[in-house]
Protein backbone atom coordinates (compact mmCIF):
# COMPACT_ATOMS: atom_id res chain seq x y z
CA ILE A 1 300.83 178.67 100.81
CA ILE A 2 303.91 178.16 103.31
CA GLU A 3 305.34 174.37 103.08
CA CYS A 4 307.35 173.61 106.23
CA ASP A 5 308.31 170.23 108.13
CA VAL A 6 306.41 170.20 111.14
CA CYS A 7 308.13 167.65 112.98
CA ASP A 8 311.14 170.32 112.95
CA GLU A 9 310.41 172.30 115.11
CA ALA A 10 313.30 175.18 114.41
CA GLN A 11 311.82 175.13 111.06
CA LEU A 12 308.59 175.97 112.25
CA GLN A 13 309.65 178.51 114.78
CA THR A 14 310.73 180.25 112.04
CA VAL A 15 307.94 179.74 110.04
CA PHE A 16 305.38 181.30 112.54
CA ARG A 17 307.84 183.90 113.14
CA GLU A 18 308.21 184.62 109.58
CA ILE A 19 304.44 185.25 109.74
CA ALA A 20 303.99 186.88 112.35
CA ASP A 21 306.55 189.47 111.35
CA ARG A 22 303.86 190.18 108.14
CA THR A 23 300.80 191.41 110.46
CA PRO A 24 300.53 195.07 111.51
CA ASP A 25 301.54 193.89 115.59
CA ARG A 26 303.85 191.04 114.84
CA LYS A 27 301.50 188.29 116.28
CA VAL A 28 299.55 185.30 114.92
CA GLN A 29 295.90 185.43 116.35
CA ALA A 30 295.12 181.68 116.39
CA VAL A 31 296.26 178.48 115.23
CA VAL A 32 294.38 175.98 113.76
CA SER A 33 295.70 172.49 113.68
CA CYS A 34 294.49 170.06 111.09
CA LEU A 35 297.41 166.87 111.25
CA ALA A 36 296.56 163.42 111.04
CA SER A 37 298.85 160.90 110.95
CA ARG A 38 297.68 158.35 108.30
CA SER A 39 299.30 155.01 108.76
CA GLY A 40 297.55 154.03 111.31
CA VAL A 41 300.97 153.24 113.28
CA LYS A 42 301.68 153.87 116.42
CA LYS A 43 304.53 155.40 115.97
CA ASP A 44 303.72 158.13 113.15
CA ALA A 45 300.83 158.58 115.32
CA TYR A 46 303.46 159.84 118.08
CA ARG A 47 305.10 161.93 116.05
CA ILE A 48 302.27 163.51 114.12
CA ASP A 49 298.95 163.38 116.06
CA TYR A 50 301.20 164.28 119.49
CA GLN A 51 304.51 165.65 118.32
CA ALA A 52 303.53 167.77 115.72
CA THR A 53 300.83 169.12 117.19
CA LEU A 54 302.86 170.22 120.61
CA ASN A 55 305.43 171.90 118.07
CA CYS A 56 302.73 173.95 116.51
CA LEU A 57 301.39 174.93 119.81
CA ASN A 58 304.34 175.73 120.76
CA ALA A 59 305.20 178.13 117.68
CA GLY A 60 302.25 179.40 118.07
CA ARG A 61 302.63 180.83 121.49
CA ALA A 62 305.89 181.97 120.86
CA VAL A 63 304.45 184.62 118.20
CA GLY A 64 301.34 185.88 120.86
CA ALA A 65 298.80 183.16 119.64
CA ARG A 66 296.35 183.16 122.10
CA HIS A 67 293.76 180.68 120.20
CA PHE A 68 294.99 177.25 119.29
CA VAL A 69 292.06 175.17 117.52
CA LEU A 70 292.73 171.35 117.19
CA LEU A 71 290.92 169.42 115.05
CA SER A 72 291.41 165.60 115.20
CA ALA A 73 290.28 162.46 113.69
CA PHE A 74 292.01 160.16 115.93
CA CYS A 75 291.57 156.54 115.63
CA VAL A 76 289.09 157.36 112.48
CA LYS A 77 291.31 153.99 110.18
CA ASN A 78 291.90 151.82 113.09
CA PRO A 79 289.04 152.56 116.31
C-alpha cells in the first residue's frame, strides 16, 4: 500500500515513477481511478473529481500507461 496526496501533482508523479521503477519494463500498464469527492460541495468536486483525476491521468502518461480506467459515481449524493 502506498499513500499519496493525489491533489499534489509533484508527489503523485514521484510515486508513479517509484512504482514504474519496480517493473521489468519500467512502465505502468494501466491506471484505475476510483477517486470521488464525498461532500457534494462544488469546490471539493472540482478538486477531487476533476483535478486529482487529471493529476492521476498525467502521472500515468508520464510513466507509459496506455490505459486509464475511470470509475465514477458523479452526483450520487446530490443529483
